[in-house]
Amino acid sequence: MPEQYLVQNQTHPEPLSPYEQKLSGALMEIFGTGVHDLDGLLAGLNAMGLNAPEGDAWNEANFRAEMRRLGD
């Protein structure tokens, strides 16, 4: 496995958890399809079967809350 490193604008102080890796991989995959809006992003996450932390489908409120939590 390649050594972890911090890019210039990355603020995460430690390696990503398996959950964070899965979520970030899913987001990159969705962005890679040309989706760049929140509705499309949420639809992509839900279509992949990747649920929000509480087990619910993603929606604007829980996505924004999770991004805030992960950004702290």
Protein backbone atom coordinates (compact mmCIF):
# COMPACT_ATOMS: atom_id res chain seq x y z
CA MET A 1 0.00 0.00 0.00
CA PRO A 2 1.39 3.44 -0.87
CA GLU A 3 2.49 5.66 1.96
CA GLN A 4 -0.17 8.11 3.15
CA TYR A 5 0.59 11.78 2.59
CA LEU A 6 -1.18 15.08 3.00
CA VAL A 7 -1.74 17.24 -0.04
CA GLN A 8 -1.48 21.00 0.32
CA ASN A 9 -5.18 21.65 1.03
CA GLN A 10 -5.96 18.43 2.87
CA THR A 11 -6.81 18.96 6.53
CA HIS A 12 -7.49 15.39 7.65
CA PRO A 13 -5.00 14.74 10.48
CA GLU A 14 -4.85 10.93 10.21
CA PRO A 15 -5.42 8.13 7.69
CA LEU A 16 -8.97 7.72 6.42
CA SER A 17 -11.19 5.12 8.07
CA PRO A 18 -12.62 2.33 5.89
CA TYR A 19 -15.95 4.21 5.85
CA GLU A 20 -14.25 7.44 4.75
CA GLN A 21 -12.33 5.57 2.04
CA LYS A 22 -15.53 3.97 0.74
CA LEU A 23 -17.43 7.27 0.75
CA SER A 24 -14.61 9.21 -0.91
CA GLY A 25 -14.19 6.48 -3.54
CA ALA A 26 -17.92 6.58 -4.28
CA LEU A 27 -17.86 10.38 -4.57
CA MET A 28 -14.88 10.26 -6.94
CA GLU A 29 -16.62 7.61 -9.05
CA ILE A 30 -19.78 9.72 -9.28
CA PHE A 31 -17.84 12.90 -10.11
CA GLY A 32 -16.00 10.89 -12.75
CA THR A 33 -19.27 10.31 -14.59
CA GLY A 34 -19.67 14.06 -15.06
CA VAL A 35 -22.11 14.63 -12.20
CA HIS A 36 -21.32 17.89 -10.41
CA ASP A 37 -24.56 18.87 -8.68
CA LEU A 38 -25.86 17.86 -5.27
CA ASP A 39 -29.02 16.16 -6.54
CA GLY A 40 -26.99 14.05 -8.96
CA LEU A 41 -24.46 13.23 -6.27
CA LEU A 42 -27.15 12.08 -3.85
CA ALA A 43 -28.85 10.03 -6.56
CA GLY A 44 -25.50 8.42 -7.37
CA LEU A 45 -24.78 7.50 -3.75
CA ASN A 46 -28.26 6.06 -3.33
CA ALA A 47 -28.03 4.12 -6.61
CA MET A 48 -24.77 2.57 -5.39
CA GLY A 49 -26.53 1.39 -2.23
CA LEU A 50 -24.17 3.38 -0.04
CA ASN A 51 -26.39 4.56 2.79
CA ALA A 52 -25.98 7.55 5.07
CA PRO A 53 -24.45 6.79 8.49
CA GLU A 54 -27.84 6.12 10.12
CA GLY A 55 -28.68 3.60 7.40
CA ASP A 56 -31.08 5.93 5.59
CA ALA A 57 -30.95 7.03 1.98
CA TRP A 58 -28.87 10.13 1.37
CA ASN A 59 -30.68 13.46 1.23
CA GLU A 60 -29.49 17.05 1.28
CA ALA A 61 -29.76 17.42 5.06
CA ASN A 62 -27.92 14.26 6.08
CA PHE A 63 -25.27 14.73 3.36
CA ARG A 64 -24.51 18.28 4.49
CA ALA A 65 -24.46 17.16 8.14
CA GLU A 66 -22.05 14.31 7.33
CA MET A 67 -19.73 16.59 5.34
CA ARG A 68 -19.68 19.02 8.28
CA ARG A 69 -18.92 16.19 10.70
CA LEU A 70 -16.14 14.82 8.52
CA GLY A 71 -14.70 18.32 8.06
CA ASP A 72 -14.27 18.93 11.78
